N, C-alpha and C. Protein backbone atom coordinates (compact mmCIF):
# COMPACT_ATOMS: atom_id res chain seq x y z
N MET A 1 93.33 109.78 87.94
CA MET A 1 94.48 110.10 88.77
C MET A 1 94.33 109.42 90.13
N CYS A 2 95.40 108.94 90.67
CA CYS A 2 95.33 108.28 91.98
C CYS A 2 96.18 109.03 92.99
N LYS A 3 95.83 108.84 94.26
CA LYS A 3 96.53 109.50 95.36
C LYS A 3 97.87 108.82 95.61
N LYS A 4 98.91 109.61 95.81
CA LYS A 4 100.24 109.08 96.09
C LYS A 4 100.36 108.71 97.56
N HIS A 5 100.92 107.53 97.81
CA HIS A 5 101.17 107.03 99.16
C HIS A 5 102.67 106.92 99.37
N THR A 6 103.13 107.25 100.56
CA THR A 6 104.56 107.21 100.88
C THR A 6 104.77 106.37 102.13
N TYR A 7 105.74 105.47 102.06
CA TYR A 7 106.10 104.63 103.20
C TYR A 7 107.61 104.65 103.37
N SER A 8 108.02 104.64 104.63
CA SER A 8 109.44 104.59 104.99
C SER A 8 109.93 103.14 104.87
N LEU A 9 111.15 102.96 104.35
CA LEU A 9 111.76 101.65 104.23
C LEU A 9 112.93 101.56 105.19
N THR A 10 113.16 100.39 105.77
CA THR A 10 114.26 100.22 106.72
C THR A 10 115.11 99.01 106.35
N GLY A 11 116.39 99.12 106.62
CA GLY A 11 117.29 98.00 106.43
C GLY A 11 117.72 97.75 105.00
N CYS A 12 117.39 98.66 104.09
CA CYS A 12 117.78 98.49 102.69
C CYS A 12 118.35 99.81 102.17
N CYS A 13 118.78 99.81 100.92
CA CYS A 13 119.44 100.98 100.35
C CYS A 13 118.48 102.16 100.12
N SER A 14 117.23 101.88 99.79
CA SER A 14 116.25 102.94 99.58
C SER A 14 115.65 103.36 100.92
N THR A 15 115.23 104.62 101.00
CA THR A 15 114.70 105.14 102.26
C THR A 15 113.18 105.29 102.25
N PHE A 16 112.60 105.57 101.09
CA PHE A 16 111.15 105.73 100.97
C PHE A 16 110.67 105.13 99.66
N VAL A 17 109.42 104.68 99.67
CA VAL A 17 108.75 104.27 98.43
C VAL A 17 107.50 105.13 98.30
N HIS A 18 107.25 105.59 97.08
CA HIS A 18 106.06 106.38 96.75
C HIS A 18 105.33 105.62 95.64
N PHE A 19 104.03 105.49 95.78
CA PHE A 19 103.27 104.81 94.74
C PHE A 19 101.82 105.24 94.78
N CYS A 20 101.14 104.99 93.68
CA CYS A 20 99.70 105.19 93.58
C CYS A 20 99.07 103.84 93.28
N VAL A 21 97.85 103.64 93.77
CA VAL A 21 97.09 102.44 93.46
C VAL A 21 95.78 102.91 92.83
N ASP A 22 95.49 102.41 91.62
CA ASP A 22 94.28 102.86 90.93
C ASP A 22 93.05 102.11 91.42
N ARG A 23 91.90 102.40 90.83
CA ARG A 23 90.63 101.80 91.26
C ARG A 23 90.59 100.29 91.07
N ASP A 24 91.42 99.79 90.16
CA ASP A 24 91.48 98.35 89.90
C ASP A 24 92.51 97.65 90.77
N ASN A 25 93.01 98.36 91.80
CA ASN A 25 93.99 97.81 92.74
C ASN A 25 95.33 97.52 92.06
N ARG A 26 95.65 98.30 91.04
CA ARG A 26 96.92 98.15 90.32
C ARG A 26 97.84 99.30 90.68
N ILE A 27 99.13 98.99 90.79
CA ILE A 27 100.12 99.99 91.21
C ILE A 27 100.48 100.88 90.03
N ARG A 28 100.54 102.16 90.30
CA ARG A 28 100.92 103.17 89.31
C ARG A 28 102.00 104.06 89.90
N GLN A 29 102.90 104.54 89.07
CA GLN A 29 103.89 105.56 89.44
C GLN A 29 104.75 105.19 90.65
N LEU A 30 105.26 103.98 90.70
CA LEU A 30 106.12 103.58 91.81
C LEU A 30 107.48 104.25 91.68
N GLU A 31 107.93 104.88 92.78
CA GLU A 31 109.23 105.54 92.83
C GLU A 31 109.91 105.20 94.16
N LEU A 32 111.21 104.99 94.09
CA LEU A 32 112.01 104.76 95.30
C LEU A 32 112.94 105.94 95.51
N GLU A 33 113.14 106.34 96.77
CA GLU A 33 114.13 107.35 97.11
C GLU A 33 115.37 106.63 97.61
N GLY A 34 116.51 106.99 97.06
CA GLY A 34 117.77 106.37 97.45
C GLY A 34 117.94 105.02 96.79
N GLY A 35 119.11 104.46 96.98
CA GLY A 35 119.38 103.14 96.42
C GLY A 35 119.94 103.20 95.02
N CYS A 36 120.12 102.05 94.45
CA CYS A 36 120.73 101.87 93.15
C CYS A 36 119.80 102.36 92.03
N PRO A 37 120.27 103.25 91.17
CA PRO A 37 119.41 103.75 90.08
C PRO A 37 118.88 102.64 89.18
N GLY A 38 119.69 101.65 88.88
CA GLY A 38 119.24 100.55 88.03
C GLY A 38 118.13 99.75 88.68
N MET A 39 118.27 99.45 89.97
CA MET A 39 117.25 98.70 90.69
C MET A 39 115.95 99.49 90.74
N LYS A 40 116.05 100.79 90.98
CA LYS A 40 114.86 101.62 91.06
C LYS A 40 114.10 101.60 89.73
N GLN A 41 114.81 101.74 88.63
CA GLN A 41 114.17 101.73 87.32
C GLN A 41 113.56 100.37 87.03
N ALA A 42 114.31 99.32 87.31
CA ALA A 42 113.83 97.96 87.02
C ALA A 42 112.58 97.63 87.83
N LEU A 43 112.62 97.90 89.12
CA LEU A 43 111.47 97.59 89.97
C LEU A 43 110.25 98.38 89.52
N GLY A 44 110.45 99.65 89.23
CA GLY A 44 109.33 100.48 88.77
C GLY A 44 108.68 99.92 87.52
N LYS A 45 109.49 99.54 86.55
CA LYS A 45 108.96 99.00 85.29
C LYS A 45 108.28 97.64 85.49
N LEU A 46 108.84 96.81 86.36
CA LEU A 46 108.28 95.49 86.58
C LEU A 46 107.01 95.51 87.43
N ILE A 47 106.89 96.47 88.31
CA ILE A 47 105.77 96.53 89.25
C ILE A 47 104.58 97.29 88.69
N GLU A 48 104.82 98.39 88.01
CA GLU A 48 103.72 99.24 87.55
C GLU A 48 102.76 98.47 86.66
N GLY A 49 101.48 98.61 86.98
CA GLY A 49 100.43 97.94 86.22
C GLY A 49 100.00 96.61 86.82
N ARG A 50 100.75 96.10 87.77
CA ARG A 50 100.39 94.83 88.42
C ARG A 50 99.54 95.11 89.66
N SER A 51 98.74 94.14 90.05
CA SER A 51 97.89 94.31 91.22
C SER A 51 98.72 94.21 92.50
N VAL A 52 98.22 94.85 93.54
CA VAL A 52 98.92 94.86 94.83
C VAL A 52 99.18 93.44 95.34
N PRO A 53 98.19 92.54 95.37
CA PRO A 53 98.47 91.19 95.88
C PRO A 53 99.52 90.44 95.06
N VAL A 54 99.52 90.62 93.75
CA VAL A 54 100.51 89.95 92.90
C VAL A 54 101.91 90.45 93.23
N VAL A 55 102.07 91.75 93.37
CA VAL A 55 103.39 92.32 93.67
C VAL A 55 103.87 91.87 95.04
N ILE A 56 102.98 91.86 96.02
CA ILE A 56 103.37 91.37 97.35
C ILE A 56 103.88 89.94 97.24
N GLY A 57 103.15 89.10 96.52
CA GLY A 57 103.55 87.71 96.36
C GLY A 57 104.89 87.55 95.66
N LEU A 58 105.18 88.42 94.70
CA LEU A 58 106.44 88.35 93.97
C LEU A 58 107.63 88.83 94.79
N LEU A 59 107.43 89.87 95.60
CA LEU A 59 108.56 90.53 96.27
C LEU A 59 108.79 90.10 97.71
N GLU A 60 107.75 89.65 98.38
CA GLU A 60 107.86 89.31 99.80
C GLU A 60 108.87 88.19 100.02
N GLY A 61 109.77 88.41 100.97
CA GLY A 61 110.73 87.39 101.35
C GLY A 61 112.06 87.44 100.61
N ILE A 62 112.19 88.33 99.62
CA ILE A 62 113.48 88.46 98.93
C ILE A 62 114.47 89.10 99.90
N LYS A 63 115.60 88.49 100.09
CA LYS A 63 116.59 88.98 101.05
C LYS A 63 117.84 89.48 100.34
N CYS A 64 118.51 90.41 100.97
CA CYS A 64 119.76 90.97 100.48
C CYS A 64 120.68 91.07 101.70
N ARG A 65 121.41 92.15 101.79
CA ARG A 65 122.31 92.37 102.93
C ARG A 65 121.53 92.48 104.23
N LYS A 66 122.08 91.91 105.25
CA LYS A 66 121.52 92.01 106.61
C LYS A 66 120.07 91.54 106.68
N GLY A 67 119.65 90.68 105.76
CA GLY A 67 118.32 90.09 105.80
C GLY A 67 117.20 90.94 105.25
N ALA A 68 117.48 92.14 104.79
CA ALA A 68 116.45 93.01 104.23
C ALA A 68 116.75 93.25 102.76
N SER A 69 115.77 93.77 102.04
CA SER A 69 115.99 94.14 100.64
C SER A 69 114.96 95.18 100.24
N CYS A 70 115.25 95.93 99.19
CA CYS A 70 114.28 96.89 98.66
C CYS A 70 112.99 96.19 98.24
N PRO A 71 113.07 95.06 97.50
CA PRO A 71 111.82 94.39 97.12
C PRO A 71 110.99 93.95 98.33
N ASP A 72 111.61 93.35 99.33
CA ASP A 72 110.87 92.91 100.51
C ASP A 72 110.27 94.10 101.26
N GLU A 73 111.00 95.20 101.34
CA GLU A 73 110.49 96.39 102.01
C GLU A 73 109.31 96.99 101.24
N ILE A 74 109.35 96.93 99.91
CA ILE A 74 108.21 97.39 99.11
C ILE A 74 107.00 96.52 99.40
N ALA A 75 107.20 95.20 99.49
CA ALA A 75 106.10 94.29 99.81
C ALA A 75 105.50 94.64 101.17
N LYS A 76 106.35 94.94 102.15
CA LYS A 76 105.86 95.33 103.48
C LYS A 76 105.04 96.61 103.41
N ALA A 77 105.51 97.59 102.64
CA ALA A 77 104.79 98.85 102.48
C ALA A 77 103.43 98.61 101.81
N LEU A 78 103.40 97.75 100.80
CA LEU A 78 102.14 97.44 100.13
C LEU A 78 101.17 96.71 101.05
N LYS A 79 101.70 95.86 101.93
CA LYS A 79 100.84 95.19 102.89
C LYS A 79 100.23 96.19 103.88
N LYS A 80 101.05 97.17 104.30
CA LYS A 80 100.53 98.22 105.18
C LYS A 80 99.44 99.01 104.47
N TRP A 81 99.68 99.35 103.20
CA TRP A 81 98.67 100.08 102.43
C TRP A 81 97.40 99.25 102.33
N GLN A 82 97.57 97.96 102.04
CA GLN A 82 96.43 97.05 101.87
C GLN A 82 95.61 96.96 103.16
N GLU A 83 96.29 96.84 104.30
CA GLU A 83 95.60 96.77 105.59
C GLU A 83 94.82 98.05 105.85
N LYS A 84 95.46 99.18 105.60
CA LYS A 84 94.78 100.48 105.81
C LYS A 84 93.61 100.63 104.85
N HIS A 85 93.82 100.25 103.60
CA HIS A 85 92.77 100.36 102.59
C HIS A 85 91.57 99.47 102.93
N ASN A 86 91.84 98.23 103.37
CA ASN A 86 90.76 97.31 103.72
C ASN A 86 89.96 97.78 104.94
N GLU A 87 90.64 98.46 105.86
CA GLU A 87 89.96 98.99 107.05
C GLU A 87 89.00 100.11 106.68
N SER A 88 89.36 100.91 105.66
CA SER A 88 88.56 102.07 105.31
C SER A 88 87.43 101.75 104.35
N THR A 89 87.37 100.51 103.82
CA THR A 89 86.30 100.18 102.88
C THR A 89 85.20 99.40 103.53
């Protein structure tokens, strides 16, 4: 079982992302609050099981309305998690 992490998202349709990262640095149980139900399901299925650096590389820089997007905001949240995680190890 992994600990759930929550990050606030800004400038996109979703408001929060919740996810777990396992011991192998792979994302588990990704959930978005708010936003399009189809996008939430698709992102969750595509992201779960992939490593944090891979997901950041895939999602970072994707733009939507007003220059932000749910995928880019998820990448930012994962980078924050990664920075915090690297500091504590």
